[in-house]
């Protein structure tokens, strides 16, 4: 029997992956941007600024390359412009987000760059270079967005095994080509890579008969393996569009469900209000009916009492008449 606490390897992997996904790596590194729980306006503006920041980082890269080439013309103005982009992103997003404390904590690197990389502060060439280099950490924001897509590509149809086999094929075939053609190993790797990817620069070609036969075999197997790679990438792109469509459908279903729930709540409140009013009216009618029935009972009692009083009066009058007759008769007898 299996222990109830035993977790299969597949479930363990999924559990570990879910825990990794739950770790907000971008927040830890201080490059999260606008949180997904913020308003849609803040999220959209944050995405626009993310693109602008990436473009600014490309400018920084060009600036660093020009610095290595000792081309520093306009360097200060570029630094000011890039800093202005970072400062604008921080300021605008901080205004738009609701949870400002969370935004500052989850974007501490951006805050550090804006505060300490102020263009008019001179820390020396070494610290200036370090602060400029720190700005490239913001690329993690973009890399993190595509990281799980890359993982999904590798997991689809065991794509990582295809890549591993392709890599081994390049290394082994490169070594075989180098041995057959008496070339160095790096030249063999270059030939194998160019042949398998069907680029075919033509700078390295086999001269021996064995090398040509091996090259023919390598072309056949290389095209097959490389087709598997391109097919997986194409399938992922198609699948990404399909997932996007499915997500839109699911979002529409969720919105529709929320609207139906809201309408149901509104109808329920209306029905409760109507039922409350009907109950109050019924109570009022019952009260009126009870009052009328009580009045009728009182009226009947009064009527019965009047009838009884009339009967008693007649009886009393009859007794008086008899007494009066008796008195008259006794008076006549005495006379």
Protein backbone atom coordinates (compact mmCIF):
# COMPACT_ATOMS: atom_id res chain seq x y z
CA UNK A 1 0.00 0.00 0.00
CA UNK A 2 1.12 3.54 -0.71
CA UNK A 3 1.59 5.99 2.03
CA UNK A 4 -1.06 8.72 1.96
CA UNK A 5 1.67 11.31 2.43
CA UNK A 6 3.56 10.05 -0.62
CA UNK A 7 3.68 12.53 -3.49
CA UNK A 8 4.35 11.24 -7.03
CA UNK A 9 7.28 12.81 -8.84
CA UNK A 10 5.02 14.53 -11.38
CA UNK A 11 2.89 16.13 -8.68
CA UNK A 12 6.04 17.13 -6.79
CA UNK A 13 7.40 18.89 -9.86
CA UNK A 14 4.12 20.73 -10.40
CA UNK A 15 4.05 21.72 -6.73
CA UNK A 16 7.60 23.08 -6.91
CA UNK A 17 6.81 24.95 -10.12
CA UNK A 18 3.70 26.49 -8.59
CA UNK A 19 5.72 27.63 -5.57
CA UNK A 20 8.36 29.13 -7.87
CA UNK A 21 5.65 30.97 -9.78
CA UNK A 22 4.22 32.32 -6.53
CA UNK A 23 7.59 33.90 -5.66
CA UNK A 24 7.49 37.42 -7.01
CA UNK A 25 11.06 37.55 -8.27
CA UNK A 26 10.63 40.95 -9.90
CA UNK A 27 9.40 42.44 -6.63
CA UNK A 28 12.40 41.00 -4.78
CA UNK A 29 14.77 42.48 -7.35
CA UNK A 30 12.89 45.78 -7.24
CA UNK A 31 11.77 45.84 -10.89
CA UNK A 32 8.13 44.72 -10.68
CA UNK A 33 6.52 47.78 -12.23
CA UNK A 34 2.77 48.28 -11.72
CA UNK A 35 1.13 45.47 -9.75
CA UNK A 36 -1.63 43.45 -11.42
CA UNK A 37 -4.11 44.41 -8.66
CA UNK A 38 -3.92 48.11 -9.56
CA UNK A 39 -6.42 49.91 -11.80
CA UNK A 40 -6.49 49.17 -15.52
CA UNK A 41 -5.39 52.74 -16.29
CA UNK A 42 -2.30 52.37 -14.09
CA UNK A 43 -1.49 48.99 -15.68
CA UNK A 44 -1.80 50.36 -19.22
CA UNK A 45 0.34 53.43 -18.47
CA UNK A 46 2.85 51.17 -16.72
CA UNK A 47 3.12 49.00 -19.84
CA UNK A 48 3.73 52.04 -22.01
CA UNK A 49 6.48 53.22 -19.66
CA UNK A 50 8.00 49.72 -19.67
CA UNK A 51 8.45 49.98 -23.45
CA UNK A 52 9.89 53.48 -23.11
CA UNK A 53 12.29 52.26 -20.39
CA UNK A 54 13.48 49.40 -22.63
CA UNK A 55 14.17 51.91 -25.41
CA UNK A 56 16.02 54.09 -22.90
CA UNK A 57 18.11 51.09 -21.86
CA UNK A 58 19.01 50.49 -25.49
CA UNK A 59 20.21 54.09 -25.59
CA UNK A 60 22.25 53.39 -22.43
CA UNK A 61 23.79 50.35 -24.13
CA UNK A 62 24.77 52.45 -27.13
CA UNK A 63 26.15 55.05 -24.73
CA UNK A 64 28.32 52.44 -23.02
CA UNK A 65 29.59 51.11 -26.35
CA UNK A 66 30.44 54.63 -27.50
CA UNK A 67 32.19 55.18 -24.17
CA UNK A 68 34.35 52.11 -24.80
CA UNK A 69 35.16 53.58 -28.21
CA UNK A 70 36.06 56.89 -26.50
CA UNK A 71 33.15 58.65 -28.20
CA UNK A 72 31.62 60.78 -25.46
CA UNK A 73 30.06 63.60 -27.43
CA UNK A 74 26.63 64.43 -25.99
CA UNK A 75 27.14 61.89 -23.21
CA UNK A 76 25.77 64.19 -20.48
CA UNK A 77 22.59 65.02 -22.41
CA UNK A 78 21.94 61.32 -23.04
CA UNK A 79 22.40 60.65 -19.32
CA UNK A 80 19.94 63.42 -18.43
CA UNK A 81 17.40 62.14 -20.97
CA UNK A 82 17.59 58.55 -19.73
CA UNK A 83 17.35 59.67 -16.11
CA UNK A 84 14.31 61.79 -17.03
CA UNK A 85 12.60 58.68 -18.47
CA UNK A 86 13.20 56.73 -15.23
CA UNK A 87 12.06 59.68 -13.11
CA UNK A 88 8.92 60.17 -15.23
CA UNK A 89 8.03 56.47 -14.95
CA UNK A 90 8.48 56.53 -11.18
CA UNK A 91 6.51 59.77 -10.73
CA UNK A 92 3.59 58.99 -13.04
CA UNK A 93 3.15 55.41 -11.81
CA UNK A 94 3.38 56.57 -8.21
CA UNK A 95 0.57 59.05 -8.87
CA UNK A 96 -1.67 56.49 -10.62
CA UNK A 97 -1.26 53.48 -8.31
CA UNK A 98 -3.47 53.14 -5.24
CA UNK A 99 -1.03 51.21 -3.05
CA UNK A 100 1.94 53.59 -3.18
CA UNK A 101 3.85 51.83 -0.40
CA UNK A 102 3.77 48.52 -2.29
CA UNK A 103 4.88 50.24 -5.50
CA UNK A 104 7.89 51.83 -3.80
CA UNK A 105 8.87 48.58 -2.06
CA UNK A 106 8.49 46.46 -5.20
CA UNK A 107 10.40 48.99 -7.33
CA UNK A 108 13.19 49.87 -4.92
CA UNK A 109 15.84 49.54 -7.66
CA UNK A 110 14.10 52.14 -9.82
CA UNK A 111 13.87 54.45 -6.79
CA UNK A 112 17.58 53.90 -6.12
CA UNK A 113 18.48 54.71 -9.74
CA UNK A 114 16.37 57.88 -9.79
CA UNK A 115 17.71 59.13 -6.45
CA UNK A 116 21.38 58.16 -6.61
CA UNK A 117 21.94 58.36 -10.38
CA UNK A 118 20.99 62.03 -10.45
CA UNK A 119 22.96 63.43 -13.43
CA UNK A 120 24.28 66.47 -11.57
CA UNK A 121 25.75 64.39 -8.72
CA UNK A 122 29.38 63.41 -9.22
CA UNK A 123 30.35 60.15 -7.50
CA UNK A 124 33.43 59.52 -9.58
CA UNK A 125 33.80 57.54 -12.79
CA UNK A 126 33.68 54.10 -11.13
CA UNK A 127 30.47 54.69 -9.17
CA UNK A 128 28.89 56.38 -12.18
CA UNK A 129 29.58 53.29 -14.28
CA UNK A 130 28.14 51.04 -11.57
CA UNK A 131 24.95 53.08 -11.31
CA UNK A 132 24.54 53.12 -15.08
CA UNK A 133 25.04 49.37 -15.19
CA UNK A 134 22.37 48.90 -12.50
CA UNK A 135 19.82 50.30 -14.91
CA UNK A 136 20.14 47.16 -17.02
CA UNK A 137 18.62 45.25 -14.08
CA UNK A 138 15.29 46.66 -15.23
CA UNK A 139 15.53 44.34 -18.25
CA UNK A 140 14.61 41.58 -15.78
CA UNK A 141 11.08 42.99 -15.93
CA UNK A 142 10.94 42.12 -19.64
CA UNK A 143 12.83 38.83 -19.27
CA UNK A 144 10.50 37.70 -16.46
CA UNK A 145 7.49 38.26 -18.73
CA UNK A 146 8.82 35.81 -21.32
CA UNK A 147 10.51 33.38 -18.89
CA UNK A 148 7.47 31.16 -18.35
CA UNK A 149 6.73 31.26 -22.08
CA UNK A 150 10.21 29.83 -22.67
CA UNK A 151 9.59 27.19 -20.00
CA UNK A 152 6.29 26.33 -21.69
CA UNK A 153 8.05 25.94 -25.05
CA UNK A 154 10.65 23.62 -23.51
CA UNK A 155 7.97 21.50 -21.80
CA UNK A 156 5.77 21.21 -24.90
CA UNK A 157 6.35 17.85 -26.63
CA UNK A 158 9.60 17.40 -24.64
CA UNK A 159 11.18 20.22 -26.62
CA UNK A 160 14.10 20.38 -24.20
CA UNK A 161 15.03 16.85 -25.26
CA UNK A 162 15.00 17.95 -28.91
CA UNK A 163 17.32 20.86 -28.06
CA UNK A 164 19.58 18.56 -26.08
CA UNK A 165 19.72 16.08 -28.96
CA UNK A 166 20.40 18.93 -31.39
CA UNK A 167 23.24 20.19 -29.22
CA UNK A 168 24.76 16.72 -28.92
CA UNK A 169 24.41 16.26 -32.69
CA UNK A 170 26.29 19.51 -33.34
CA UNK A 171 29.10 18.59 -30.91
CA UNK A 172 29.48 14.95 -32.05
CA UNK A 173 29.19 15.72 -35.77
CA UNK A 174 31.63 18.59 -35.36
CA UNK A 175 34.12 16.26 -33.72
CA UNK A 176 33.64 13.63 -36.46
CA UNK A 177 34.04 16.23 -39.22
CA UNK A 178 37.19 17.57 -37.59
CA UNK A 179 38.60 14.05 -37.42
CA UNK A 180 37.69 13.18 -41.03
CA UNK A 181 38.98 16.43 -42.47
CA UNK A 182 41.95 16.94 -40.15
CA UNK A 183 40.52 20.28 -38.95
CA UNK A 184 40.46 21.71 -35.48
CA UNK A 185 37.45 21.08 -33.23
CA UNK A 186 36.11 24.66 -33.39
CA UNK A 187 36.06 24.53 -37.20
CA UNK A 188 34.17 21.23 -37.03
CA UNK A 189 31.59 22.74 -34.66
CA UNK A 190 31.19 25.75 -36.96
CA UNK A 191 30.68 23.50 -40.00
CA UNK A 192 28.17 21.33 -38.12
CA UNK A 193 26.21 24.35 -36.88
CA UNK A 194 26.07 26.04 -40.28
CA UNK A 195 25.07 22.79 -42.00
CA UNK A 196 22.36 21.73 -39.54
CA UNK A 197 20.76 25.18 -39.51
CA UNK A 198 20.79 25.13 -43.35
CA UNK A 199 22.62 28.46 -43.45
CA UNK A 200 25.52 27.16 -45.54
CA UNK A 201 28.01 30.03 -45.61
CA UNK A 202 30.43 27.93 -47.66
CA UNK A 203 33.52 29.11 -45.80
CA UNK A 204 34.13 25.57 -44.44
CA UNK A 205 33.55 22.65 -46.83
CA UNK A 206 34.63 18.99 -46.85
CA UNK A 207 37.46 18.06 -49.26
CA UNK A 208 37.69 14.30 -48.72
CA UNK A 209 35.22 11.71 -49.96
CA UNK A 210 34.50 10.54 -46.41
CA UNK A 211 33.85 14.14 -45.38
CA UNK A 212 31.36 14.64 -48.22
CA UNK A 213 29.51 11.40 -47.37
CA UNK A 214 29.37 12.45 -43.72
CA UNK A 215 28.20 15.92 -44.76
CA UNK A 216 25.36 14.37 -46.78
CA UNK A 217 24.23 12.29 -43.80
CA UNK A 218 24.54 15.33 -41.52
CA UNK A 219 22.38 17.44 -43.84
CA UNK A 220 19.57 14.84 -43.78
CA UNK A 221 19.53 14.37 -40.01
CA UNK A 222 20.26 18.02 -39.36
CA UNK A 223 17.27 19.19 -41.43
CA UNK A 224 15.03 16.71 -39.57
CA UNK A 225 16.16 17.91 -36.13
CA UNK A 226 16.09 21.58 -37.10
CA UNK A 227 12.56 21.13 -38.53
CA UNK A 228 11.47 19.77 -35.14
CA UNK A 229 12.79 22.94 -33.50
CA UNK A 230 11.06 25.31 -35.93
CA UNK A 231 7.85 23.24 -35.74
CA UNK A 232 7.79 23.49 -31.94
CA UNK A 233 8.36 27.23 -32.07
CA UNK A 234 5.64 27.64 -34.72
CA UNK A 235 3.26 25.48 -32.66
CA UNK A 236 3.94 27.64 -29.61
CA UNK A 237 3.22 30.85 -31.54
CA UNK A 238 -0.06 29.40 -32.81
CA UNK A 239 -0.83 28.07 -29.35
CA UNK A 240 -0.06 31.46 -27.83
CA UNK A 241 -2.66 33.06 -30.08
CA UNK A 242 -5.10 30.30 -29.17
CA UNK A 243 -4.40 30.78 -25.47
CA UNK A 244 -4.91 34.51 -25.89
CA UNK A 245 -8.28 33.87 -27.54
CA UNK A 246 -9.23 31.39 -24.82
CA UNK A 247 -8.22 33.92 -22.18
CA UNK A 248 -10.39 36.58 -23.82
CA UNK A 249 -13.31 34.12 -23.90
CA UNK A 250 -12.76 33.19 -20.26
CA UNK A 251 -12.53 36.86 -19.30
CA UNK A 252 -15.78 37.54 -21.18
CA UNK A 253 -17.43 34.58 -19.43
CA UNK A 254 -16.22 35.85 -16.06
CA UNK A 255 -17.47 39.37 -16.79
CA UNK A 256 -20.80 37.97 -17.99
CA UNK A 257 -21.03 35.81 -14.87
CA UNK A 258 -20.32 38.82 -12.66
CA UNK A 259 -22.96 40.86 -14.48
CA UNK A 260 -25.50 38.04 -14.12
CA UNK A 261 -24.66 37.76 -10.42
CA UNK A 262 -25.08 41.53 -10.02
CA UNK A 263 -28.39 41.43 -11.90
CA UNK A 264 -29.47 38.46 -9.80
CA UNK A 265 -28.61 40.38 -6.64
CA UNK A 266 -30.53 43.43 -7.91
CA UNK A 267 -33.58 41.27 -8.77
CA UNK A 268 -33.33 39.54 -5.43
CA UNK A 269 -33.24 42.88 -3.62
CA UNK A 270 -36.24 44.06 -5.65
CA UNK A 271 -38.16 40.87 -4.90
CA UNK A 272 -37.30 41.16 -1.22
CA UNK A 273 -38.47 44.78 -1.27
CA UNK A 274 -41.73 43.80 -3.03
CA UNK A 275 -42.27 40.92 -0.64
CA UNK A 276 -41.63 43.23 2.30
CA UNK A 277 -44.19 45.71 0.98
CA UNK A 278 -46.71 42.93 0.34
CA UNK A 279 -46.15 41.57 3.84
CA UNK A 280 -46.67 45.02 5.33
CA UNK A 281 -49.86 45.48 3.30
CA UNK A 282 -51.12 42.05 4.30
CA UNK A 283 -50.39 42.84 7.92
CA UNK A 284 -52.24 46.12 7.53
CA UNK A 285 -55.21 44.39 5.86
CA UNK A 286 -55.28 41.72 8.54
CA UNK A 287 -55.16 44.43 11.15
CA UNK A 288 -58.07 46.23 9.50
CA UNK A 289 -59.98 42.96 9.21
CA UNK A 290 -59.36 42.23 12.86
CA UNK A 291 -60.53 45.72 13.78
CA UNK A 292 -63.68 45.32 11.65
CA UNK A 293 -64.38 41.90 13.11
CA UNK A 294 -63.89 43.31 16.58
CA UNK A 295 -66.22 46.19 15.77
CA UNK A 296 -68.80 43.76 14.40
CA UNK A 297 -68.58 41.67 17.54
CA UNK A 298 -69.02 44.80 19.66
CA UNK A 299 -71.95 45.90 17.51
CA UNK A 300 -73.57 42.47 17.87
CA UNK A 301 -73.06 42.54 21.62
CA UNK A 302 -74.60 46.03 21.79
CA UNK A 303 -77.50 44.86 19.62
CA UNK A 304 -78.00 41.79 21.82
CA UNK A 305 -77.83 43.95 24.90
CA UNK A 306 -80.41 46.38 23.43
CA UNK A 307 -82.72 43.48 22.53
CA UNK A 308 -82.36 42.04 26.00
CA UNK A 309 -82.94 45.47 27.47
CA UNK A 310 -86.11 45.82 25.40
CA UNK A 311 -87.34 42.42 26.51
CA UNK A 312 -86.56 43.22 30.11
CA UNK A 313 -88.38 46.54 29.75
CA UNK A 314 -91.45 44.82 28.31
CA UNK A 315 -91.38 42.25 31.05
CA UNK A 316 -90.94 44.94 33.66
CA UNK A 317 -93.79 46.97 32.14
CA UNK A 318 -95.97 43.88 32.11
CA UNK A 319 -95.22 43.30 35.79
CA UNK A 320 -96.04 46.92 36.54
CA UNK A 321 -99.36 46.60 34.72
CA UNK A 322 -100.22 43.48 36.69
CA UNK A 323 -99.28 45.16 39.97
CA UNK A 324 -101.36 48.18 39.05
CA UNK A 325 -104.35 45.97 38.19
CA UNK A 326 -103.95 44.10 41.44
CA UNK A 327 -103.83 47.33 43.41
CA UNK A 328 -106.94 48.62 41.65
CA UNK A 329 -108.76 45.40 42.33
CA UNK A 330 -107.88 45.47 46.01
CA UNK A 331 -108.97 49.09 46.18
CA UNK A 332 -112.35 48.24 44.70
CA UNK A 333 -112.80 45.44 47.16
CA UNK A 334 -112.11 47.71 50.09
CA UNK A 335 -114.68 50.16 48.93
